[in-house]
Amino acid sequence: MRLRDRTAIVTGASTGIGREAARLFARAGVNVVLASRNAEALARVAQELQPYRGRSLAVATDVTDGQAVEAMVKTAAEEFGSVDILLNNAGLGLYARLSEGSMENIRRLFEVNVFGALNCIRAVAPYMKQQRRGQIINVSSVAGKIAAPYEGAYAATKFALTAISDALRLELFDHGIMVITVYPGPIGTSFRDNALKEIEPPTAYRALRRIPPVRVAEAIVKAARDERTEVYVTWFDRLAVILKGISPRFIDWGMRRFYLRRRGHGPGDKL
């Protein structure tokens, strides 16, 4: 897709991947609609985008509020004349044991990560169908292919987003709408700090370097330009998913060896 003069809606735009993707889209000449619950942070991001060719519009939006999402998308269409790209990036994490954790926290996770994404998809779809073009970019995760202990609920939301992407890609193909799924691995953002926590999150294993969010943003913008359907940010992420398909037992061994035993998690690790 030629990006210049297109319009992109970026959810979770106030920090991390969303902020970097908004900056790269604007630099490529894309008009960017910034969506997040944090109005003050959005205003700062909008200020940062002013030097770029693409125009920006900050719309404070909670993706779990379907009516608010519809209003945001309508504003985007009225302001810029089209809705060409949706970057479903807003997300929440949870560190908890599935067998004994809070169901309220799990429901909250699904409200943001799954139903929030669906709210955005359902809001942009009519505009894209009318235009006979568009891209829906869903930020899943390697966790949407490989579930880690204590992150099972989060992984379940990302597995759900992967399934949504796969089905949606087929449903919208005849309308000229492309669906792209992005699978980042560990990222150096405030995601862990902002996640819901029922246990102390495992410390990062030294061999697993957290990539900066700009690397993910670069992969997203490249995927939009090149129209790629599935994107892994690093070769290691892709290799891990391939190994999971070939030998699930090997991945389970690796999780036990490096994610559990080496990180010292056991019965006494609750907050």
C-alpha atoms as a PDB file:
ATOM      1  CA  MET A   1       0.000   0.000   0.000  1.00  0.00           C
ATOM      2  CA  ARG A   2       1.176   3.500  -0.756  1.00  0.00           C
ATOM      3  CA  LEU A   3       1.209   5.094   2.684  1.00  0.00           C
ATOM      4  CA  ARG A   4       1.426   8.782   1.877  1.00  0.00           C
ATOM      5  CA  ASP A   5      -1.847  10.662   2.493  1.00  0.00           C
ATOM      6  CA  ARG A   6      -3.531   7.587   3.991  1.00  0.00           C
ATOM      7  CA  THR A   7      -5.242   7.698   7.390  1.00  0.00           C
ATOM      8  CA  ALA A   8      -4.257   5.364  10.235  1.00  0.00           C
ATOM      9  CA  ILE A   9      -5.950   4.860  13.598  1.00  0.00           C
ATOM     10  CA  VAL A  10      -3.461   3.753  16.250  1.00  0.00           C
ATOM     11  CA  THR A  11      -4.810   2.447  19.557  1.00  0.00           C
ATOM     12  CA  GLY A  12      -2.593   2.401  22.621  1.00  0.00           C
ATOM     13  CA  ALA A  13      -0.841   5.367  21.014  1.00  0.00           C
ATOM     14  CA  SER A  14       0.318   7.110  24.185  1.00  0.00           C
ATOM     15  CA  THR A  15       3.347   4.876  24.869  1.00  0.00           C
ATOM     16  CA  GLY A  16       5.543   2.071  23.583  1.00  0.00           C
ATOM     17  CA  ILE A  17       4.767   0.413  20.271  1.00  0.00           C
ATOM     18  CA  GLY A  18       1.770   2.635  19.555  1.00  0.00           C
ATOM     19  CA  ARG A  19       3.709   5.840  20.065  1.00  0.00           C
ATOM     20  CA  GLU A  20       6.608   4.681  17.872  1.00  0.00           C
ATOM     21  CA  ALA A  21       4.289   3.386  15.149  1.00  0.00           C
ATOM     22  CA  ALA A  22       2.387   6.689  15.125  1.00  0.00           C
ATOM     23  CA  ARG A  23       5.672   8.546  14.700  1.00  0.00           C
ATOM     24  CA  LEU A  24       6.822   6.334  11.811  1.00  0.00           C
ATOM     25  CA  PHE A  25       3.442   6.505  10.082  1.00  0.00           C
ATOM     26  CA  ALA A  26       3.421  10.314  10.376  1.00  0.00           C
ATOM     27  CA  ARG A  27       6.972  10.479   9.024  1.00  0.00           C
ATOM     28  CA  ALA A  28       5.802   8.436   6.020  1.00  0.00           C
ATOM     29  CA  GLY A  29       3.094  11.026   5.318  1.00  0.00           C
ATOM     30  CA  VAL A  30       0.206   9.172   6.956  1.00  0.00           C
ATOM     31  CA  ASN A  31      -2.477  11.115   8.812  1.00  0.00           C
ATOM     32  CA  VAL A  32      -2.573   9.545  12.265  1.00  0.00           C
ATOM     33  CA  VAL A  33      -5.467   9.343  14.709  1.00  0.00           C
ATOM     34  CA  LEU A  34      -4.065   8.753  18.183  1.00  0.00           C
ATOM     35  CA  ALA A  35      -6.319   6.756  20.501  1.00  0.00           C
ATOM     36  CA  SER A  36      -5.721   5.984  24.170  1.00  0.00           C
ATOM     37  CA  ARG A  37      -7.392   6.586  27.530  1.00  0.00           C
ATOM     38  CA  ASN A  38      -4.654   9.023  28.605  1.00  0.00           C
ATOM     39  CA  ALA A  39      -5.570  12.392  27.068  1.00  0.00           C
ATOM     40  CA  GLU A  40      -2.518  14.204  28.430  1.00  0.00           C
ATOM     41  CA  ALA A  41      -0.089  11.633  27.066  1.00  0.00           C
ATOM     42  CA  LEU A  42      -1.863  11.694  23.686  1.00  0.00           C
ATOM     43  CA  ALA A  43      -1.494  15.463  23.531  1.00  0.00           C
ATOM     44  CA  ARG A  44       2.261  15.081  24.079  1.00  0.00           C
ATOM     45  CA  VAL A  45       2.514  12.503  21.302  1.00  0.00           C
ATOM     46  CA  ALA A  46       0.495  14.735  18.958  1.00  0.00           C
ATOM     47  CA  GLN A  47       2.963  17.539  19.714  1.00  0.00           C
ATOM     48  CA  GLU A  48       5.876  15.251  18.843  1.00  0.00           C
ATOM     49  CA  LEU A  49       4.309  14.474  15.453  1.00  0.00           C
ATOM     50  CA  GLN A  50       3.911  18.091  14.361  1.00  0.00           C
ATOM     51  CA  PRO A  51       7.223  18.281  12.426  1.00  0.00           C
ATOM     52  CA  TYR A  52       6.165  15.402  10.153  1.00  0.00           C
ATOM     53  CA  ARG A  53       4.158  15.645   6.956  1.00  0.00           C
ATOM     54  CA  GLY A  54       1.291  13.530   8.192  1.00  0.00           C
ATOM     55  CA  ARG A  55      -1.303  15.344  10.263  1.00  0.00           C
ATOM     56  CA  SER A  56      -2.311  14.011  13.676  1.00  0.00           C
ATOM     57  CA  LEU A  57      -5.469  14.025  15.748  1.00  0.00           C
ATOM     58  CA  ALA A  58      -5.648  12.915  19.394  1.00  0.00           C
ATOM     59  CA  VAL A  59      -8.942  11.357  20.501  1.00  0.00           C
ATOM     60  CA  ALA A  60      -9.043  10.068  24.083  1.00  0.00           C
ATOM     61  CA  THR A  61     -10.789   6.695  23.769  1.00  0.00           C
ATOM     62  CA  ASP A  62     -11.339   3.615  25.908  1.00  0.00           C
ATOM     63  CA  VAL A  63     -11.399   0.695  23.466  1.00  0.00           C
ATOM     64  CA  THR A  64     -13.686  -1.288  25.788  1.00  0.00           C
ATOM     65  CA  ASP A  65     -16.405   1.348  25.214  1.00  0.00           C
ATOM     66  CA  GLY A  66     -17.973   0.438  21.872  1.00  0.00           C
ATOM     67  CA  GLN A  67     -19.847   3.733  21.484  1.00  0.00           C
ATOM     68  CA  ALA A  68     -16.707   5.749  22.212  1.00  0.00           C
ATOM     69  CA  VAL A  69     -14.788   3.735  19.615  1.00  0.00           C
ATOM     70  CA  GLU A  70     -17.484   4.321  16.991  1.00  0.00           C
ATOM     71  CA  ALA A  71     -17.411   8.057  17.740  1.00  0.00           C
ATOM     72  CA  MET A  72     -13.612   8.107  17.425  1.00  0.00           C
ATOM     73  CA  VAL A  73     -13.690   6.341  14.048  1.00  0.00           C
ATOM     74  CA  LYS A  74     -16.428   8.659  12.784  1.00  0.00           C
ATOM     75  CA  THR A  75     -14.321  11.661  13.821  1.00  0.00           C
ATOM     76  CA  ALA A  76     -11.334  10.221  11.957  1.00  0.00           C
ATOM     77  CA  ALA A  77     -13.354   9.710   8.779  1.00  0.00           C
ATOM     78  CA  GLU A  78     -14.842  13.195   8.933  1.00  0.00           C
ATOM     79  CA  GLU A  79     -11.499  14.852   9.641  1.00  0.00           C
ATOM     80  CA  PHE A  80      -9.401  13.049   7.028  1.00  0.00           C
ATOM     81  CA  GLY A  81     -11.946  11.681   4.546  1.00  0.00           C
ATOM     82  CA  SER A  82     -11.056   8.007   4.895  1.00  0.00           C
ATOM     83  CA  VAL A  83     -10.027   5.264   7.303  1.00  0.00           C
ATOM     84  CA  ASP A  84      -7.293   3.239   5.626  1.00  0.00           C
ATOM     85  CA  ILE A  85      -5.374   1.541   8.453  1.00  0.00           C
ATOM     86  CA  LEU A  86      -6.382   0.314  11.899  1.00  0.00           C
ATOM     87  CA  LEU A  87      -3.505  -0.604  14.205  1.00  0.00           C
ATOM     88  CA  ASN A  88      -5.018  -2.636  17.043  1.00  0.00           C
ATOM     89  CA  ASN A  89      -2.256  -2.171  19.578  1.00  0.00           C
ATOM     90  CA  ALA A  90      -3.993  -1.383  22.893  1.00  0.00           C
ATOM     91  CA  GLY A  91      -3.359  -4.167  25.364  1.00  0.00           C
ATOM     92  CA  LEU A  92      -3.048  -5.179  28.992  1.00  0.00           C
ATOM     93  CA  GLY A  93      -0.954  -7.858  30.716  1.00  0.00           C
ATOM     94  CA  LEU A  94      -1.627 -10.152  33.666  1.00  0.00           C
ATOM     95  CA  TYR A  95       0.739 -12.241  35.791  1.00  0.00           C
ATOM     96  CA  ALA A  96      -1.287 -14.848  37.682  1.00  0.00           C
ATOM     97  CA  ARG A  97      -1.864 -18.548  38.207  1.00  0.00           C
ATOM     98  CA  LEU A  98      -4.737 -19.795  36.071  1.00  0.00           C
ATOM     99  CA  SER A  99      -5.802 -22.389  38.628  1.00  0.00           C
ATOM    100  CA  GLU A 100      -6.346 -19.909  41.435  1.00  0.00           C
ATOM    101  CA  GLY A 101      -6.234 -16.389  40.015  1.00  0.00           C
ATOM    102  CA  SER A 102      -8.852 -13.652  39.953  1.00  0.00           C
ATOM    103  CA  MET A 103     -11.599 -14.182  37.367  1.00  0.00           C
ATOM    104  CA  GLU A 104     -12.256 -10.442  37.520  1.00  0.00           C
ATOM    105  CA  ASN A 105      -8.737  -9.743  36.277  1.00  0.00           C
ATOM    106  CA  ILE A 106      -9.069 -12.328  33.504  1.00  0.00           C
ATOM    107  CA  ARG A 107     -12.352 -10.764  32.366  1.00  0.00           C
ATOM    108  CA  ARG A 108     -10.719  -7.332  32.380  1.00  0.00           C
ATOM    109  CA  LEU A 109      -7.898  -8.723  30.238  1.00  0.00           C
ATOM    110  CA  PHE A 110     -10.326 -10.082  27.655  1.00  0.00           C
ATOM    111  CA  GLU A 111     -12.321  -6.838  27.657  1.00  0.00           C
ATOM    112  CA  VAL A 112      -9.238  -4.854  26.633  1.00  0.00           C
ATOM    113  CA  ASN A 113      -7.228  -7.277  24.513  1.00  0.00           C
ATOM    114  CA  VAL A 114     -10.018  -9.112  22.687  1.00  0.00           C
ATOM    115  CA  PHE A 115     -13.301  -7.216  22.879  1.00  0.00           C
ATOM    116  CA  GLY A 116     -11.494  -3.879  22.640  1.00  0.00           C
ATOM    117  CA  ALA A 117      -9.875  -5.029  19.394  1.00  0.00           C
ATOM    118  CA  LEU A 118     -13.224  -6.298  18.118  1.00  0.00           C
ATOM    119  CA  ASN A 119     -14.863  -2.967  18.943  1.00  0.00           C
ATOM    120  CA  CYS A 120     -12.296  -1.222  16.757  1.00  0.00           C
ATOM    121  CA  ILE A 121     -12.606  -3.777  13.943  1.00  0.00           C
ATOM    122  CA  ARG A 122     -16.395  -3.522  13.876  1.00  0.00           C
ATOM    123  CA  ALA A 123     -16.208   0.280  13.867  1.00  0.00           C
ATOM    124  CA  VAL A 124     -13.778   0.612  10.927  1.00  0.00           C
ATOM    125  CA  ALA A 125     -15.144  -2.223   8.787  1.00  0.00           C
ATOM    126  CA  PRO A 126     -18.106  -0.278   7.282  1.00  0.00           C
ATOM    127  CA  TYR A 127     -15.812   2.560   6.174  1.00  0.00           C
ATOM    128  CA  MET A 128     -13.264   0.206   4.673  1.00  0.00           C
ATOM    129  CA  LYS A 129     -15.956  -1.814   2.896  1.00  0.00           C
ATOM    130  CA  GLN A 130     -17.380   1.341   1.371  1.00  0.00           C
ATOM    131  CA  GLN A 131     -13.901   2.387   0.220  1.00  0.00           C
ATOM    132  CA  ARG A 132     -13.147  -1.141  -1.042  1.00  0.00           C
ATOM    133  CA  ARG A 133      -9.753  -0.924   0.621  1.00  0.00           C
ATOM    134  CA  GLY A 134      -8.090  -0.932   4.028  1.00  0.00           C
ATOM    135  CA  GLN A 135      -5.734  -2.696   6.387  1.00  0.00           C
ATOM    136  CA  ILE A 136      -6.448  -4.062   9.848  1.00  0.00           C
ATOM    137  CA  ILE A 137      -3.192  -4.685  11.712  1.00  0.00           C
ATOM    138  CA  ASN A 138      -3.555  -6.715  14.899  1.00  0.00           C
ATOM    139  CA  VAL A 139      -0.637  -6.739  17.319  1.00  0.00           C
ATOM    140  CA  SER A 140      -0.717 -10.243  18.738  1.00  0.00           C
ATOM    141  CA  SER A 141       2.411 -11.709  20.340  1.00  0.00           C
ATOM    142  CA  VAL A 142       4.667 -14.734  20.276  1.00  0.00           C
ATOM    143  CA  ALA A 143       2.492 -15.488  23.325  1.00  0.00           C
ATOM    144  CA  GLY A 144      -0.298 -15.914  20.773  1.00  0.00           C
ATOM    145  CA  LYS A 145       1.576 -19.002  19.568  1.00  0.00           C
ATOM    146  CA  ILE A 146       3.433 -20.156  22.721  1.00  0.00           C
ATOM    147  CA  ALA A 147       1.907 -19.786  26.177  1.00  0.00           C
ATOM    148  CA  ALA A 148       4.195 -19.156  29.130  1.00  0.00           C
ATOM    149  CA  PRO A 149       3.475 -20.086  32.769  1.00  0.00           C
ATOM    150  CA  TYR A 150       1.865 -17.309  34.829  1.00  0.00           C
ATOM    151  CA  GLU A 151       0.920 -15.561  31.573  1.00  0.00           C
ATOM    152  CA  GLY A 152      -1.725 -18.057  30.473  1.00  0.00           C
ATOM    153  CA  ALA A 153      -4.628 -15.621  30.504  1.00  0.00           C
ATOM    154  CA  TYR A 154      -2.642 -13.047  28.547  1.00  0.00           C
ATOM    155  CA  ALA A 155      -1.589 -15.730  26.071  1.00  0.00           C
ATOM    156  CA  ALA A 156      -5.227 -16.800  25.717  1.00  0.00           C
ATOM    157  CA  THR A 157      -6.173 -13.282  24.628  1.00  0.00           C
ATOM    158  CA  LYS A 158      -3.356 -13.267  22.079  1.00  0.00           C
ATOM    159  CA  PHE A 159      -4.305 -16.735  20.791  1.00  0.00           C
ATOM    160  CA  ALA A 160      -7.825 -15.316  20.397  1.00  0.00           C
ATOM    161  CA  LEU A 161      -6.494 -12.332  18.461  1.00  0.00           C
ATOM    162  CA  THR A 162      -4.577 -14.688  16.174  1.00  0.00           C
ATOM    163  CA  ALA A 163      -7.786 -16.646  15.471  1.00  0.00           C
ATOM    164  CA  ILE A 164      -9.715 -13.420  14.888  1.00  0.00           C
ATOM    165  CA  SER A 165      -7.092 -12.281  12.390  1.00  0.00           C
ATOM    166  CA  ASP A 166      -7.105 -15.569  10.495  1.00  0.00           C
ATOM    167  CA  ALA A 167     -10.892 -15.704  10.172  1.00  0.00           C
ATOM    168  CA  LEU A 168     -11.254 -11.990   9.451  1.00  0.00           C
ATOM    169  CA  ARG A 169      -8.663 -12.189   6.669  1.00  0.00           C
ATOM    170  CA  LEU A 170     -10.929 -14.615   4.810  1.00  0.00           C
ATOM    171  CA  GLU A 171     -14.174 -12.798   5.601  1.00  0.00           C
ATOM    172  CA  LEU A 172     -12.962  -9.419   4.342  1.00  0.00           C
ATOM    173  CA  PHE A 173     -10.850 -10.511   1.373  1.00  0.00           C
ATOM    174  CA  ASP A 174     -13.584  -9.850  -1.197  1.00  0.00           C
ATOM    175  CA  HIS A 175     -14.014  -6.316   0.190  1.00  0.00           C
ATOM    176  CA  GLY A 176     -10.417  -5.368  -0.567  1.00  0.00           C
ATOM    177  CA  ILE A 177      -9.497  -5.318   3.123  1.00  0.00           C
ATOM    178  CA  MET A 178      -6.242  -6.902   4.257  1.00  0.00           C
ATOM    179  CA  VAL A 179      -5.626  -8.296   7.742  1.00  0.00           C
ATOM    180  CA  ILE A 180      -2.066  -8.328   9.087  1.00  0.00           C
ATOM    181  CA  THR A 181      -0.960 -10.029  12.304  1.00  0.00           C
ATOM    182  CA  VAL A 182       2.226  -8.970  14.096  1.00  0.00           C
ATOM    183  CA  TYR A 183       3.953 -11.299  16.573  1.00  0.00           C
ATOM    184  CA  PRO A 184       6.474  -9.454  18.775  1.00  0.00           C
ATOM    185  CA  GLY A 185       8.527 -11.247  21.380  1.00  0.00           C
ATOM    186  CA  PRO A 186       9.803  -9.630  24.607  1.00  0.00           C
ATOM    187  CA  ILE A 187       9.813  -5.839  24.267  1.00  0.00           C
ATOM    188  CA  GLY A 188      11.515  -3.165  26.323  1.00  0.00           C
ATOM    189  CA  THR A 189       8.467  -1.100  27.245  1.00  0.00           C
ATOM    190  CA  SER A 190       6.505  -0.259  30.414  1.00  0.00           C
ATOM    191  CA  PHE A 191       4.140  -3.152  29.612  1.00  0.00           C
ATOM    192  CA  ARG A 192       5.367  -5.297  32.538  1.00  0.00           C
ATOM    193  CA  ASP A 193       5.118  -2.358  34.936  1.00  0.00           C
ATOM    194  CA  ASN A 194       1.552  -1.564  33.870  1.00  0.00           C
ATOM    195  CA  ALA A 195       0.324  -5.176  33.845  1.00  0.00           C
ATOM    196  CA  LEU A 196      -2.054  -6.557  36.449  1.00  0.00           C
ATOM    197  CA  LYS A 197      -0.047  -8.581  38.947  1.00  0.00           C
ATOM    198  CA  GLU A 198      -1.205 -11.311  41.289  1.00  0.00           C
ATOM    199  CA  ILE A 199       2.295 -12.766  41.559  1.00  0.00           C
ATOM    200  CA  GLU A 200       5.730 -11.217  41.162  1.00  0.00           C
ATOM    201  CA  PRO A 201       6.602 -11.302  37.434  1.00  0.00           C
ATOM    202  CA  PRO A 202       9.553 -13.556  36.608  1.00  0.00           C
ATOM    203  CA  THR A 203      12.784 -11.674  36.068  1.00  0.00           C
ATOM    204  CA  ALA A 204      13.987 -11.513  32.487  1.00  0.00           C
ATOM    205  CA  TYR A 205      16.343 -14.294  31.452  1.00  0.00           C
ATOM    206  CA  ARG A 206      19.593 -12.677  30.366  1.00  0.00           C
ATOM    207  CA  ALA A 207      19.763 -14.515  27.035  1.00  0.00           C
ATOM    208  CA  LEU A 208      16.365 -13.119  26.005  1.00  0.00           C
ATOM    209  CA  ARG A 209      17.093  -9.534  25.101  1.00  0.00           C
ATOM    210  CA  ARG A 210      14.108  -7.228  25.048  1.00  0.00           C
ATOM    211  CA  ILE A 211      13.945  -5.360  21.775  1.00  0.00           C
ATOM    212  CA  PRO A 212      13.083  -1.653  21.709  1.00  0.00           C
ATOM    213  CA  PRO A 213       9.505  -0.779  20.685  1.00  0.00           C
ATOM    214  CA  VAL A 214      10.756   1.078  17.616  1.00  0.00           C
ATOM    215  CA  ARG A 215      11.848  -2.288  16.157  1.00  0.00           C
ATOM    216  CA  VAL A 216       8.266  -3.512  16.369  1.00  0.00           C
ATOM    217  CA  ALA A 217       6.958  -0.236  14.945  1.00  0.00           C
ATOM    218  CA  GLU A 218       9.336  -0.507  12.002  1.00  0.00           C
ATOM    219  CA  ALA A 219       8.070  -4.032  11.317  1.00  0.00           C
ATOM    220  CA  ILE A 220       4.477  -2.799  11.460  1.00  0.00           C
ATOM    221  CA  VAL A 221       4.998   0.055   9.011  1.00  0.00           C
ATOM    222  CA  LYS A 222       6.987  -2.180   6.649  1.00  0.00           C
ATOM    223  CA  ALA A 223       4.219  -4.785   6.762  1.00  0.00           C
ATOM    224  CA  ALA A 224       1.632  -2.128   5.904  1.00  0.00           C
ATOM    225  CA  ARG A 225       3.733  -0.921   2.974  1.00  0.00           C
ATOM    226  CA  ASP A 226       4.613  -4.405   1.711  1.00  0.00           C
ATOM    227  CA  GLU A 227       1.179  -5.914   2.519  1.00  0.00           C
ATOM    228  CA  ARG A 228       2.502  -8.915   4.443  1.00  0.00           C
ATOM    229  CA  THR A 229      -0.061 -11.014   6.303  1.00  0.00           C
ATOM    230  CA  GLU A 230       2.114 -12.326   9.170  1.00  0.00           C
ATOM    231  CA  VAL A 231       5.103 -10.591  10.695  1.00  0.00           C
ATOM    232  CA  TYR A 232       7.697 -11.766  13.219  1.00  0.00           C
ATOM    233  CA  VAL A 233      10.005  -9.065  14.484  1.00  0.00           C
ATOM    234  CA  THR A 234      13.103 -11.217  15.071  1.00  0.00           C
ATOM    235  CA  TRP A 235      14.393 -14.495  13.663  1.00  0.00           C
ATOM    236  CA  PHE A 236      14.427 -15.933  17.194  1.00  0.00           C
ATOM    237  CA  ASP A 237      10.680 -15.334  17.570  1.00  0.00           C
ATOM    238  CA  ARG A 238       9.960 -17.130  14.321  1.00  0.00           C
ATOM    239  CA  LEU A 239      12.310 -19.996  15.234  1.00  0.00           C
ATOM    240  CA  ALA A 240      10.597 -20.490  18.596  1.00  0.00           C
ATOM    241  CA  VAL A 241       7.198 -20.779  16.921  1.00  0.00           C
ATOM    242  CA  ILE A 242       8.548 -23.225  14.329  1.00  0.00           C
ATOM    243  CA  LEU A 243      10.088 -25.367  17.091  1.00  0.00           C
ATOM    244  CA  LYS A 244       6.780 -25.341  18.952  1.00  0.00           C
ATOM    245  CA  GLY A 245       5.123 -26.868  15.891  1.00  0.00           C
ATOM    246  CA  ILE A 246       7.862 -29.446  15.413  1.00  0.00           C
ATOM    247  CA  SER A 247       8.461 -30.418  19.046  1.00  0.00           C
ATOM    248  CA  PRO A 248       6.051 -29.103  21.694  1.00  0.00           C
ATOM    249  CA  ARG A 249       7.913 -31.168  24.315  1.00  0.00           C
ATOM    250  CA  PHE A 250      11.124 -29.308  23.575  1.00  0.00           C
ATOM    251  CA  ILE A 251       9.409 -25.959  24.126  1.00  0.00           C
ATOM    252  CA  ASP A 252       7.869 -27.278  27.369  1.00  0.00           C
ATOM    253  CA  TRP A 253      11.327 -28.373  28.518  1.00  0.00           C
ATOM    254  CA  GLY A 254      12.718 -24.945  27.686  1.00  0.00           C
ATOM    255  CA  MET A 255       9.940 -23.232  29.623  1.00  0.00           C
ATOM    256  CA  ARG A 256      10.577 -25.397  32.683  1.00  0.00           C
ATOM    257  CA  ARG A 257      14.336 -25.010  32.409  1.00  0.00           C
ATOM    258  CA  PHE A 258      14.666 -21.318  31.694  1.00  0.00           C
ATOM    259  CA  TYR A 259      11.335 -19.746  32.658  1.00  0.00           C
ATOM    260  CA  LEU A 260      10.691 -21.565  35.903  1.00  0.00           C
ATOM    261  CA  ARG A 261      13.714 -23.227  37.494  1.00  0.00           C
ATOM    262  CA  ARG A 262      16.320 -20.657  36.429  1.00  0.00           C
ATOM    263  CA  ARG A 263      14.014 -17.860  37.558  1.00  0.00           C
ATOM    264  CA  GLY A 264      13.383 -19.348  40.955  1.00  0.00           C
ATOM    265  CA  HIS A 265       9.594 -19.348  40.883  1.00  0.00           C
ATOM    266  CA  GLY A 266       7.779 -21.564  43.301  1.00  0.00           C
ATOM    267  CA  PRO A 267       4.929 -21.658  45.825  1.00  0.00           C
ATOM    268  CA  GLY A 268       6.085 -18.584  47.709  1.00  0.00           C
ATOM    269  CA  ASP A 269       6.169 -16.053  44.905  1.00  0.00           C
ATOM    270  CA  LYS A 270       2.870 -14.278  45.483  1.00  0.00           C
ATOM    271  CA  LEU A 271       2.860 -10.539  45.887  1.00  0.00           C
END
